[in-house]
Amino acid sequence: SFVTGQVDFLRVPPEFTDFAAPGGKLAPNLARKGVTLRRYVNPDRTM
């Protein structure tokens, strides 16, 4: 839904992290479109 432009922003599902940010950097195909990336440790915990 994000790739096709149907949502405006998205927290990338974990299984697609390598598609969006291989090696922690924005994928070239997304960068060419002008997509921006933000990576950060969230103040959360899973349990």
ModelCIF file with pLDDT and N, C-alpha, C, O atoms, coordinates in Angstrom:
data_MODEL
#
_entry.id   MODEL 
#
_entity.id                         1 
_entity.type                       polymer 
_entity.pdbx_number_of_molecules   1 
#
_entity_poly.entity_id                      1 
_entity_poly.type                           'polypeptide(L)' 
_entity_poly.nstd_linkage                   no 
_entity_poly.nstd_monomer                   no 
_entity_poly.pdbx_seq_one_letter_code       SFVTGQVDFLRVPPEFTDFAAPGGKLAPNLARKGVTLRRYVNPDRTM 
_entity_poly.pdbx_seq_one_letter_code_can   SFVTGQVDFLRVPPEFTDFAAPGGKLAPNLARKGVTLRRYVNPDRTM 
_entity_poly.pdbx_strand_id                 A 
#
loop_
_entity_poly_seq.entity_id 
_entity_poly_seq.num 
_entity_poly_seq.mon_id 
_entity_poly_seq.hetero 
1 1  SER n 
1 2  PHE n 
1 3  VAL n 
1 4  THR n 
1 5  GLY n 
1 6  GLN n 
1 7  VAL n 
1 8  ASP n 
1 9  PHE n 
1 10 LEU n 
1 11 ARG n 
1 12 VAL n 
1 13 PRO n 
1 14 PRO n 
1 15 GLU n 
1 16 PHE n 
1 17 THR n 
1 18 ASP n 
1 19 PHE n 
1 20 ALA n 
1 21 ALA n 
1 22 PRO n 
1 23 GLY n 
1 24 GLY n 
1 25 LYS n 
1 26 LEU n 
1 27 ALA n 
1 28 PRO n 
1 29 ASN n 
1 30 LEU n 
1 31 ALA n 
1 32 ARG n 
1 33 LYS n 
1 34 GLY n 
1 35 VAL n 
1 36 THR n 
1 37 LEU n 
1 38 ARG n 
1 39 ARG n 
1 40 TYR n 
1 41 VAL n 
1 42 ASN n 
1 43 PRO n 
1 44 ASP n 
1 45 ARG n 
1 46 THR n 
1 47 MET n 
#
_struct_asym.id          A 
_struct_asym.entity_id   1 
#
loop_
_ma_qa_metric.id 
_ma_qa_metric.mode 
_ma_qa_metric.name 
_ma_qa_metric.software_group_id 
_ma_qa_metric.type 
1 global pLDDT . pLDDT 
2 local  pLDDT . pLDDT 
#
_ma_qa_metric_global.metric_id      1 
_ma_qa_metric_global.metric_value   95.72 
_ma_qa_metric_global.model_id       1 
_ma_qa_metric_global.ordinal_id     1 
#
loop_
_ma_qa_metric_local.label_asym_id 
_ma_qa_metric_local.label_comp_id 
_ma_qa_metric_local.label_seq_id 
_ma_qa_metric_local.metric_id 
_ma_qa_metric_local.metric_value 
_ma_qa_metric_local.model_id 
_ma_qa_metric_local.ordinal_id 
A SER 1  2 98.00 1 1  
A PHE 2  2 98.00 1 2  
A VAL 3  2 97.00 1 3  
A THR 4  2 97.00 1 4  
A GLY 5  2 97.00 1 5  
A GLN 6  2 97.00 1 6  
A VAL 7  2 98.00 1 7  
A ASP 8  2 98.00 1 8  
A PHE 9  2 98.00 1 9  
A LEU 10 2 98.00 1 10 
A ARG 11 2 96.00 1 11 
A VAL 12 2 97.00 1 12 
A PRO 13 2 94.00 1 13 
A PRO 14 2 91.00 1 14 
A GLU 15 2 90.00 1 15 
A PHE 16 2 94.00 1 16 
A THR 17 2 93.00 1 17 
A ASP 18 2 92.00 1 18 
A PHE 19 2 94.00 1 19 
A ALA 20 2 96.00 1 20 
A ALA 21 2 95.00 1 21 
A PRO 22 2 94.00 1 22 
A GLY 23 2 91.00 1 23 
A GLY 24 2 91.00 1 24 
A LYS 25 2 95.00 1 25 
A LEU 26 2 97.00 1 26 
A ALA 27 2 97.00 1 27 
A PRO 28 2 97.00 1 28 
A ASN 29 2 96.00 1 29 
A LEU 30 2 98.00 1 30 
A ALA 31 2 97.00 1 31 
A ARG 32 2 97.00 1 32 
A LYS 33 2 97.00 1 33 
A GLY 34 2 98.00 1 34 
A VAL 35 2 98.00 1 35 
A THR 36 2 98.00 1 36 
A LEU 37 2 97.00 1 37 
A ARG 38 2 96.00 1 38 
A ARG 39 2 95.00 1 39 
A TYR 40 2 94.00 1 40 
A VAL 41 2 94.00 1 41 
A ASN 42 2 94.00 1 42 
A PRO 43 2 95.00 1 43 
A ASP 44 2 95.00 1 44 
A ARG 45 2 96.00 1 45 
A THR 46 2 97.00 1 46 
A MET 47 2 97.00 1 47 
#
loop_
_atom_site.group_PDB 
_atom_site.id 
_atom_site.type_symbol 
_atom_site.label_atom_id 
_atom_site.label_alt_id 
_atom_site.label_comp_id 
_atom_site.label_asym_id 
_atom_site.label_entity_id 
_atom_site.label_seq_id 
_atom_site.pdbx_PDB_ins_code 
_atom_site.Cartn_x 
_atom_site.Cartn_y 
_atom_site.Cartn_z 
_atom_site.occupancy 
_atom_site.B_iso_or_equiv 
_atom_site.pdbx_formal_charge 
_atom_site.auth_seq_id 
_atom_site.auth_comp_id 
_atom_site.auth_asym_id 
_atom_site.auth_atom_id 
_atom_site.pdbx_PDB_model_num 
ATOM 1   N N  . SER A 1 1  ? 0.829  -1.206  0.000  1.00 98.00 ? 1  SER A N  1 
ATOM 2   C CA . SER A 1 1  ? 0.000  0.000   0.000  1.00 98.00 ? 1  SER A CA 1 
ATOM 3   C C  . SER A 1 1  ? 0.861  1.253   0.000  1.00 98.00 ? 1  SER A C  1 
ATOM 4   O O  . SER A 1 1  ? 0.462  2.288   -0.533 1.00 98.00 ? 1  SER A O  1 
ATOM 5   N N  . PHE A 1 2  ? 2.047  1.156   0.600  1.00 98.00 ? 2  PHE A N  1 
ATOM 6   C CA . PHE A 1 2  ? 2.965  2.298   0.549  1.00 98.00 ? 2  PHE A CA 1 
ATOM 7   C C  . PHE A 1 2  ? 3.664  2.367   -0.806 1.00 98.00 ? 2  PHE A C  1 
ATOM 8   O O  . PHE A 1 2  ? 3.758  3.437   -1.406 1.00 98.00 ? 2  PHE A O  1 
ATOM 9   N N  . VAL A 1 3  ? 4.150  1.235   -1.282 1.00 97.00 ? 3  VAL A N  1 
ATOM 10  C CA . VAL A 1 3  ? 4.887  1.209   -2.546 1.00 97.00 ? 3  VAL A CA 1 
ATOM 11  C C  . VAL A 1 3  ? 4.031  1.753   -3.684 1.00 97.00 ? 3  VAL A C  1 
ATOM 12  O O  . VAL A 1 3  ? 4.543  2.428   -4.576 1.00 97.00 ? 3  VAL A O  1 
ATOM 13  N N  . THR A 1 4  ? 2.733  1.463   -3.658 1.00 97.00 ? 4  THR A N  1 
ATOM 14  C CA . THR A 1 4  ? 1.832  1.924   -4.718 1.00 97.00 ? 4  THR A CA 1 
ATOM 15  C C  . THR A 1 4  ? 1.250  3.302   -4.443 1.00 97.00 ? 4  THR A C  1 
ATOM 16  O O  . THR A 1 4  ? 0.407  3.776   -5.204 1.00 97.00 ? 4  THR A O  1 
ATOM 17  N N  . GLY A 1 5  ? 1.688  3.958   -3.359 1.00 97.00 ? 5  GLY A N  1 
ATOM 18  C CA . GLY A 1 5  ? 1.271  5.319   -3.086 1.00 97.00 ? 5  GLY A CA 1 
ATOM 19  C C  . GLY A 1 5  ? -0.097 5.457   -2.458 1.00 97.00 ? 5  GLY A C  1 
ATOM 20  O O  . GLY A 1 5  ? -0.667 6.548   -2.455 1.00 97.00 ? 5  GLY A O  1 
ATOM 21  N N  . GLN A 1 6  ? -0.639 4.367   -1.921 1.00 97.00 ? 6  GLN A N  1 
ATOM 22  C CA . GLN A 1 6  ? -1.974 4.434   -1.354 1.00 97.00 ? 6  GLN A CA 1 
ATOM 23  C C  . GLN A 1 6  ? -1.983 4.838   0.112  1.00 97.00 ? 6  GLN A C  1 
ATOM 24  O O  . GLN A 1 6  ? -3.032 5.213   0.637  1.00 97.00 ? 6  GLN A O  1 
ATOM 25  N N  . VAL A 1 7  ? -0.848 4.772   0.780  1.00 98.00 ? 7  VAL A N  1 
ATOM 26  C CA . VAL A 1 7  ? -0.710 5.376   2.103  1.00 98.00 ? 7  VAL A CA 1 
ATOM 27  C C  . VAL A 1 7  ? 0.477  6.329   2.055  1.00 98.00 ? 7  VAL A C  1 
ATOM 28  O O  . VAL A 1 7  ? 1.403  6.144   1.265  1.00 98.00 ? 7  VAL A O  1 
ATOM 29  N N  . ASP A 1 8  ? 0.441  7.340   2.899  1.00 98.00 ? 8  ASP A N  1 
ATOM 30  C CA . ASP A 1 8  ? 1.393  8.440   2.821  1.00 98.00 ? 8  ASP A CA 1 
ATOM 31  C C  . ASP A 1 8  ? 2.651  8.225   3.648  1.00 98.00 ? 8  ASP A C  1 
ATOM 32  O O  . ASP A 1 8  ? 3.688  8.827   3.370  1.00 98.00 ? 8  ASP A O  1 
ATOM 33  N N  . PHE A 1 9  ? 2.569  7.387   4.645  1.00 98.00 ? 9  PHE A N  1 
ATOM 34  C CA . PHE A 1 9  ? 3.725  7.087   5.496  1.00 98.00 ? 9  PHE A CA 1 
ATOM 35  C C  . PHE A 1 9  ? 3.488  5.724   6.107  1.00 98.00 ? 9  PHE A C  1 
ATOM 36  O O  . PHE A 1 9  ? 2.349  5.273   6.224  1.00 98.00 ? 9  PHE A O  1 
ATOM 37  N N  . LEU A 1 10 ? 4.556  5.079   6.492  1.00 98.00 ? 10 LEU A N  1 
ATOM 38  C CA . LEU A 1 10 ? 4.404  3.704   6.969  1.00 98.00 ? 10 LEU A CA 1 
ATOM 39  C C  . LEU A 1 10 ? 5.570  3.333   7.855  1.00 98.00 ? 10 LEU A C  1 
ATOM 40  O O  . LEU A 1 10 ? 6.713  3.706   7.593  1.00 98.00 ? 10 LEU A O  1 
ATOM 41  N N  . ARG A 1 11 ? 5.264  2.590   8.913  1.00 96.00 ? 11 ARG A N  1 
ATOM 42  C CA . ARG A 1 11 ? 6.294  1.886   9.664  1.00 96.00 ? 11 ARG A CA 1 
ATOM 43  C C  . ARG A 1 11 ? 6.504  0.566   8.942  1.00 96.00 ? 11 ARG A C  1 
ATOM 44  O O  . ARG A 1 11 ? 5.603  -0.271  8.892  1.00 96.00 ? 11 ARG A O  1 
ATOM 45  N N  . VAL A 1 12 ? 7.683  0.381   8.387  1.00 97.00 ? 12 VAL A N  1 
ATOM 46  C CA . VAL A 1 12 ? 7.934  -0.760  7.519  1.00 97.00 ? 12 VAL A CA 1 
ATOM 47  C C  . VAL A 1 12 ? 7.772  -2.057  8.308  1.00 97.00 ? 12 VAL A C  1 
ATOM 48  O O  . VAL A 1 12 ? 8.388  -2.205  9.364  1.00 97.00 ? 12 VAL A O  1 
ATOM 49  N N  . PRO A 1 13 ? 6.958  -3.005  7.824  1.00 94.00 ? 13 PRO A N  1 
ATOM 50  C CA . PRO A 1 13 ? 6.857  -4.301  8.495  1.00 94.00 ? 13 PRO A CA 1 
ATOM 51  C C  . PRO A 1 13 ? 8.238  -4.959  8.549  1.00 94.00 ? 13 PRO A C  1 
ATOM 52  O O  . PRO A 1 13 ? 8.998  -4.860  7.585  1.00 94.00 ? 13 PRO A O  1 
ATOM 53  N N  . PRO A 1 14 ? 8.579  -5.628  9.656  1.00 91.00 ? 14 PRO A N  1 
ATOM 54  C CA . PRO A 1 14 ? 9.929  -6.182  9.804  1.00 91.00 ? 14 PRO A CA 1 
ATOM 55  C C  . PRO A 1 14 ? 10.374 -7.045  8.632  1.00 91.00 ? 14 PRO A C  1 
ATOM 56  O O  . PRO A 1 14 ? 11.542 -7.016  8.244  1.00 91.00 ? 14 PRO A O  1 
ATOM 57  N N  . GLU A 1 15 ? 9.448  -7.812  8.067  1.00 90.00 ? 15 GLU A N  1 
ATOM 58  C CA . GLU A 1 15 ? 9.834  -8.713  6.981  1.00 90.00 ? 15 GLU A CA 1 
ATOM 59  C C  . GLU A 1 15 ? 10.183 -7.973  5.698  1.00 90.00 ? 15 GLU A C  1 
ATOM 60  O O  . GLU A 1 15 ? 10.693 -8.580  4.757  1.00 90.00 ? 15 GLU A O  1 
ATOM 61  N N  . PHE A 1 16 ? 9.917  -6.667  5.645  1.00 94.00 ? 16 PHE A N  1 
ATOM 62  C CA . PHE A 1 16 ? 10.240 -5.880  4.453  1.00 94.00 ? 16 PHE A CA 1 
ATOM 63  C C  . PHE A 1 16 ? 11.318 -4.830  4.718  1.00 94.00 ? 16 PHE A C  1 
ATOM 64  O O  . PHE A 1 16 ? 11.541 -3.940  3.897  1.00 94.00 ? 16 PHE A O  1 
ATOM 65  N N  . THR A 1 17 ? 11.979 -4.938  5.858  1.00 93.00 ? 17 THR A N  1 
ATOM 66  C CA . THR A 1 17 ? 13.034 -3.978  6.176  1.00 93.00 ? 17 THR A CA 1 
ATOM 67  C C  . THR A 1 17 ? 14.143 -3.999  5.132  1.00 93.00 ? 17 THR A C  1 
ATOM 68  O O  . THR A 1 17 ? 14.658 -2.946  4.754  1.00 93.00 ? 17 THR A O  1 
ATOM 69  N N  . ASP A 1 18 ? 14.514 -5.188  4.664  1.00 92.00 ? 18 ASP A N  1 
ATOM 70  C CA . ASP A 1 18 ? 15.587 -5.273  3.677  1.00 92.00 ? 18 ASP A CA 1 
ATOM 71  C C  . ASP A 1 18 ? 15.173 -4.717  2.328  1.00 92.00 ? 18 ASP A C  1 
ATOM 72  O O  . ASP A 1 18 ? 16.026 -4.311  1.539  1.00 92.00 ? 18 ASP A O  1 
ATOM 73  N N  . PHE A 1 19 ? 13.873 -4.691  2.047  1.00 94.00 ? 19 PHE A N  1 
ATOM 74  C CA . PHE A 1 19 ? 13.392 -4.072  0.814  1.00 94.00 ? 19 PHE A CA 1 
ATOM 75  C C  . PHE A 1 19 ? 13.474 -2.551  0.915  1.00 94.00 ? 19 PHE A C  1 
ATOM 76  O O  . PHE A 1 19 ? 13.857 -1.876  -0.040 1.00 94.00 ? 19 PHE A O  1 
ATOM 77  N N  . ALA A 1 20 ? 13.108 -2.020  2.087  1.00 96.00 ? 20 ALA A N  1 
ATOM 78  C CA . ALA A 1 20 ? 13.055 -0.566  2.260  1.00 96.00 ? 20 ALA A CA 1 
ATOM 79  C C  . ALA A 1 20 ? 14.413 0.033   2.556  1.00 96.00 ? 20 ALA A C  1 
ATOM 80  O O  . ALA A 1 20 ? 14.737 1.120   2.077  1.00 96.00 ? 20 ALA A O  1 
ATOM 81  N N  . ALA A 1 21 ? 15.209 -0.674  3.347  1.00 95.00 ? 21 ALA A N  1 
ATOM 82  C CA . ALA A 1 21 ? 16.471 -0.101  3.816  1.00 95.00 ? 21 ALA A CA 1 
ATOM 83  C C  . ALA A 1 21 ? 17.548 -1.168  3.901  1.00 95.00 ? 21 ALA A C  1 
ATOM 84  O O  . ALA A 1 21 ? 17.980 -1.509  5.002  1.00 95.00 ? 21 ALA A O  1 
ATOM 85  N N  . PRO A 1 22 ? 17.996 -1.709  2.766  1.00 94.00 ? 22 PRO A N  1 
ATOM 86  C CA . PRO A 1 22 ? 19.066 -2.711  2.820  1.00 94.00 ? 22 PRO A CA 1 
ATOM 87  C C  . PRO A 1 22 ? 20.335 -2.104  3.413  1.00 94.00 ? 22 PRO A C  1 
ATOM 88  O O  . PRO A 1 22 ? 20.799 -1.050  2.978  1.00 94.00 ? 22 PRO A O  1 
ATOM 89  N N  . GLY A 1 23 ? 20.879 -2.784  4.402  1.00 91.00 ? 23 GLY A N  1 
ATOM 90  C CA . GLY A 1 23 ? 22.072 -2.259  5.063  1.00 91.00 ? 23 GLY A CA 1 
ATOM 91  C C  . GLY A 1 23 ? 21.824 -0.998  5.861  1.00 91.00 ? 23 GLY A C  1 
ATOM 92  O O  . GLY A 1 23 ? 22.767 -0.283  6.202  1.00 91.00 ? 23 GLY A O  1 
ATOM 93  N N  . GLY A 1 24 ? 20.556 -0.713  6.165  1.00 91.00 ? 24 GLY A N  1 
ATOM 94  C CA . GLY A 1 24 ? 20.220 0.475   6.948  1.00 91.00 ? 24 GLY A CA 1 
ATOM 95  C C  . GLY A 1 24 ? 20.094 1.747   6.132  1.00 91.00 ? 24 GLY A C  1 
ATOM 96  O O  . GLY A 1 24 ? 19.872 2.818   6.696  1.00 91.00 ? 24 GLY A O  1 
ATOM 97  N N  . LYS A 1 25 ? 20.235 1.651   4.796  1.00 95.00 ? 25 LYS A N  1 
ATOM 98  C CA . LYS A 1 25 ? 20.120 2.822   3.931  1.00 95.00 ? 25 LYS A CA 1 
ATOM 99  C C  . LYS A 1 25 ? 18.913 2.680   3.015  1.00 95.00 ? 25 LYS A C  1 
ATOM 100 O O  . LYS A 1 25 ? 18.547 1.573   2.619  1.00 95.00 ? 25 LYS A O  1 
ATOM 101 N N  . LEU A 1 26 ? 18.305 3.799   2.686  1.00 97.00 ? 26 LEU A N  1 
ATOM 102 C CA . LEU A 1 26 ? 17.111 3.794   1.847  1.00 97.00 ? 26 LEU A CA 1 
ATOM 103 C C  . LEU A 1 26 ? 17.402 3.108   0.519  1.00 97.00 ? 26 LEU A C  1 
ATOM 104 O O  . LEU A 1 26 ? 18.411 3.387   -0.129 1.00 97.00 ? 26 LEU A O  1 
ATOM 105 N N  . ALA A 1 27 ? 16.499 2.201   0.117  1.00 97.00 ? 27 ALA A N  1 
ATOM 106 C CA . ALA A 1 27 ? 16.663 1.485   -1.145 1.00 97.00 ? 27 ALA A CA 1 
ATOM 107 C C  . ALA A 1 27 ? 16.713 2.466   -2.317 1.00 97.00 ? 27 ALA A C  1 
ATOM 108 O O  . ALA A 1 27 ? 15.945 3.428   -2.337 1.00 97.00 ? 27 ALA A O  1 
ATOM 109 N N  . PRO A 1 28 ? 17.595 2.246   -3.290 1.00 97.00 ? 28 PRO A N  1 
ATOM 110 C CA . PRO A 1 28 ? 17.735 3.189   -4.412 1.00 97.00 ? 28 PRO A CA 1 
ATOM 111 C C  . PRO A 1 28 ? 16.443 3.469   -5.160 1.00 97.00 ? 28 PRO A C  1 
ATOM 112 O O  . PRO A 1 28 ? 16.201 4.605   -5.570 1.00 97.00 ? 28 PRO A O  1 
ATOM 113 N N  . ASN A 1 29 ? 15.592 2.433   -5.349 1.00 96.00 ? 29 ASN A N  1 
ATOM 114 C CA . ASN A 1 29 ? 14.348 2.666   -6.084 1.00 96.00 ? 29 ASN A CA 1 
ATOM 115 C C  . ASN A 1 29 ? 13.425 3.602   -5.323 1.00 96.00 ? 29 ASN A C  1 
ATOM 116 O O  . ASN A 1 29 ? 12.687 4.371   -5.941 1.00 96.00 ? 29 ASN A O  1 
ATOM 117 N N  . LEU A 1 30 ? 13.448 3.556   -3.988 1.00 98.00 ? 30 LEU A N  1 
ATOM 118 C CA . LEU A 1 30 ? 12.631 4.471   -3.192 1.00 98.00 ? 30 LEU A CA 1 
ATOM 119 C C  . LEU A 1 30 ? 13.261 5.865   -3.162 1.00 98.00 ? 30 LEU A C  1 
ATOM 120 O O  . LEU A 1 30 ? 12.560 6.876   -3.208 1.00 98.00 ? 30 LEU A O  1 
ATOM 121 N N  . ALA A 1 31 ? 14.579 5.903   -3.086 1.00 97.00 ? 31 ALA A N  1 
ATOM 122 C CA . ALA A 1 31 ? 15.265 7.198   -3.070 1.00 97.00 ? 31 ALA A CA 1 
ATOM 123 C C  . ALA A 1 31 ? 14.989 7.967   -4.357 1.00 97.00 ? 31 ALA A C  1 
ATOM 124 O O  . ALA A 1 31 ? 14.800 9.183   -4.323 1.00 97.00 ? 31 ALA A O  1 
ATOM 125 N N  . ARG A 1 32 ? 14.965 7.263   -5.502 1.00 97.00 ? 32 ARG A N  1 
ATOM 126 C CA . ARG A 1 32 ? 14.704 7.939   -6.771 1.00 97.00 ? 32 ARG A CA 1 
ATOM 127 C C  . ARG A 1 32 ? 13.314 8.563   -6.812 1.00 97.00 ? 32 ARG A C  1 
ATOM 128 O O  . ARG A 1 32 ? 13.092 9.552   -7.510 1.00 97.00 ? 32 ARG A O  1 
ATOM 129 N N  . LYS A 1 33 ? 12.387 7.986   -6.068 1.00 97.00 ? 33 LYS A N  1 
ATOM 130 C CA . LYS A 1 33 ? 11.023 8.531   -6.013 1.00 97.00 ? 33 LYS A CA 1 
ATOM 131 C C  . LYS A 1 33 ? 10.903 9.706   -5.046 1.00 97.00 ? 33 LYS A C  1 
ATOM 132 O O  . LYS A 1 33 ? 9.876  10.384  -5.026 1.00 97.00 ? 33 LYS A O  1 
ATOM 133 N N  . GLY A 1 34 ? 11.938 9.954   -4.245 1.00 98.00 ? 34 GLY A N  1 
ATOM 134 C CA . GLY A 1 34 ? 11.868 11.027  -3.263 1.00 98.00 ? 34 GLY A CA 1 
ATOM 135 C C  . GLY A 1 34 ? 11.362 10.604  -1.913 1.00 98.00 ? 34 GLY A C  1 
ATOM 136 O O  . GLY A 1 34 ? 11.074 11.448  -1.064 1.00 98.00 ? 34 GLY A O  1 
ATOM 137 N N  . VAL A 1 35 ? 11.245 9.290   -1.694 1.00 98.00 ? 35 VAL A N  1 
ATOM 138 C CA . VAL A 1 35 ? 10.835 8.774   -0.384 1.00 98.00 ? 35 VAL A CA 1 
ATOM 139 C C  . VAL A 1 35 ? 11.922 9.112   0.636  1.00 98.00 ? 35 VAL A C  1 
ATOM 140 O O  . VAL A 1 35 ? 13.109 9.102   0.310  1.00 98.00 ? 35 VAL A O  1 
ATOM 141 N N  . THR A 1 36 ? 11.516 9.409   1.862  1.00 98.00 ? 36 THR A N  1 
ATOM 142 C CA . THR A 1 36 ? 12.475 9.665   2.930  1.00 98.00 ? 36 THR A CA 1 
ATOM 143 C C  . THR A 1 36 ? 12.403 8.558   3.975  1.00 98.00 ? 36 THR A C  1 
ATOM 144 O O  . THR A 1 36 ? 11.376 7.898   4.134  1.00 98.00 ? 36 THR A O  1 
ATOM 145 N N  . LEU A 1 37 ? 13.513 8.369   4.682  1.00 97.00 ? 37 LEU A N  1 
ATOM 146 C CA . LEU A 1 37 ? 13.665 7.263   5.629  1.00 97.00 ? 37 LEU A CA 1 
ATOM 147 C C  . LEU A 1 37 ? 14.071 7.799   6.992  1.00 97.00 ? 37 LEU A C  1 
ATOM 148 O O  . LEU A 1 37 ? 14.843 8.753   7.098  1.00 97.00 ? 37 LEU A O  1 
ATOM 149 N N  . ARG A 1 38 ? 13.538 7.170   8.033  1.00 96.00 ? 38 ARG A N  1 
ATOM 150 C CA . ARG A 1 38 ? 13.972 7.454   9.398  1.00 96.00 ? 38 ARG A CA 1 
ATOM 151 C C  . ARG A 1 38 ? 14.068 6.137   10.160 1.00 96.00 ? 38 ARG A C  1 
ATOM 152 O O  . ARG A 1 38 ? 13.101 5.376   10.203 1.00 96.00 ? 38 ARG A O  1 
ATOM 153 N N  . ARG A 1 39 ? 15.228 5.859   10.765 1.00 95.00 ? 39 ARG A N  1 
ATOM 154 C CA . ARG A 1 39 ? 15.426 4.659   11.586 1.00 95.00 ? 39 ARG A CA 1 
ATOM 155 C C  . ARG A 1 39 ? 15.797 5.091   12.997 1.00 95.00 ? 39 ARG A C  1 
ATOM 156 O O  . ARG A 1 39 ? 16.608 6.000   13.177 1.00 95.00 ? 39 ARG A O  1 
ATOM 157 N N  . TYR A 1 40 ? 15.212 4.448   13.991 1.00 94.00 ? 40 TYR A N  1 
ATOM 158 C CA . TYR A 1 40 ? 15.457 4.835   15.377 1.00 94.00 ? 40 TYR A CA 1 
ATOM 159 C C  . TYR A 1 40 ? 15.030 3.709   16.306 1.00 94.00 ? 40 TYR A C  1 
ATOM 160 O O  . TYR A 1 40 ? 14.163 2.901   15.974 1.00 94.00 ? 40 TYR A O  1 
ATOM 161 N N  . VAL A 1 41 ? 15.654 3.675   17.470 1.00 94.00 ? 41 VAL A N  1 
ATOM 162 C CA . VAL A 1 41 ? 15.242 2.730   18.510 1.00 94.00 ? 41 VAL A CA 1 
ATOM 163 C C  . VAL A 1 41 ? 14.015 3.327   19.204 1.00 94.00 ? 41 VAL A C  1 
ATOM 164 O O  . VAL A 1 41 ? 14.085 4.405   19.794 1.00 94.00 ? 41 VAL A O  1 
ATOM 165 N N  . ASN A 1 42 ? 12.914 2.621   19.125 1.00 94.00 ? 42 ASN A N  1 
ATOM 166 C CA . ASN A 1 42 ? 11.676 3.126   19.717 1.00 94.00 ? 42 ASN A CA 1 
ATOM 167 C C  . ASN A 1 42 ? 11.687 2.909   21.231 1.00 94.00 ? 42 ASN A C  1 
ATOM 168 O O  . ASN A 1 42 ? 12.206 1.895   21.698 1.00 94.00 ? 42 ASN A O  1 
ATOM 169 N N  . PRO A 1 43 ? 11.125 3.843   22.008 1.00 95.00 ? 43 PRO A N  1 
ATOM 170 C CA . PRO A 1 43 ? 11.035 3.630   23.465 1.00 95.00 ? 43 PRO A CA 1 
ATOM 171 C C  . PRO A 1 43 ? 9.918  2.643   23.794 1.00 95.00 ? 43 PRO A C  1 
ATOM 172 O O  . PRO A 1 43 ? 8.852  3.033   24.270 1.00 95.00 ? 43 PRO A O  1 
ATOM 173 N N  . ASP A 1 44 ? 10.171 1.382   23.540 1.00 95.00 ? 44 ASP A N  1 
ATOM 174 C CA . ASP A 1 44 ? 9.145  0.356   23.743 1.00 95.00 ? 44 ASP A CA 1 
ATOM 175 C C  . ASP A 1 44 ? 9.779  -0.916  24.258 1.00 95.00 ? 44 ASP A C  1 
ATOM 176 O O  . ASP A 1 44 ? 10.992 -0.988  24.454 1.00 95.00 ? 44 ASP A O  1 
ATOM 177 N N  . ARG A 1 45 ? 8.949  -1.914  24.474 1.00 96.00 ? 45 ARG A N  1 
ATOM 178 C CA . ARG A 1 45 ? 9.435  -3.247  24.790 1.00 96.00 ? 45 ARG A CA 1 
ATOM 179 C C  . ARG A 1 45 ? 8.379  -4.237  24.346 1.00 96.00 ? 45 ARG A C  1 
ATOM 180 O O  . ARG A 1 45 ? 7.182  -4.016  24.530 1.00 96.00 ? 45 ARG A O  1 
ATOM 181 N N  . THR A 1 46 ? 8.839  -5.335  23.758 1.00 97.00 ? 46 THR A N  1 
ATOM 182 C CA . THR A 1 46 ? 7.936  -6.433  23.438 1.00 97.00 ? 46 THR A CA 1 
ATOM 183 C C  . THR A 1 46 ? 8.086  -7.483  24.523 1.00 97.00 ? 46 THR A C  1 
ATOM 184 O O  . THR A 1 46 ? 9.139  -7.587  25.151 1.00 97.00 ? 46 THR A O  1 
ATOM 185 N N  . MET A 1 47 ? 7.049  -8.252  24.742 1.00 97.00 ? 47 MET A N  1 
ATOM 186 C CA . MET A 1 47 ? 7.071  -9.152  25.899 1.00 97.00 ? 47 MET A CA 1 
ATOM 187 C C  . MET A 1 47 ? 6.128  -10.332 25.708 1.00 97.00 ? 47 MET A C  1 
ATOM 188 O O  . MET A 1 47 ? 6.023  -11.187 26.587 1.00 97.00 ? 47 MET A O  1 
#
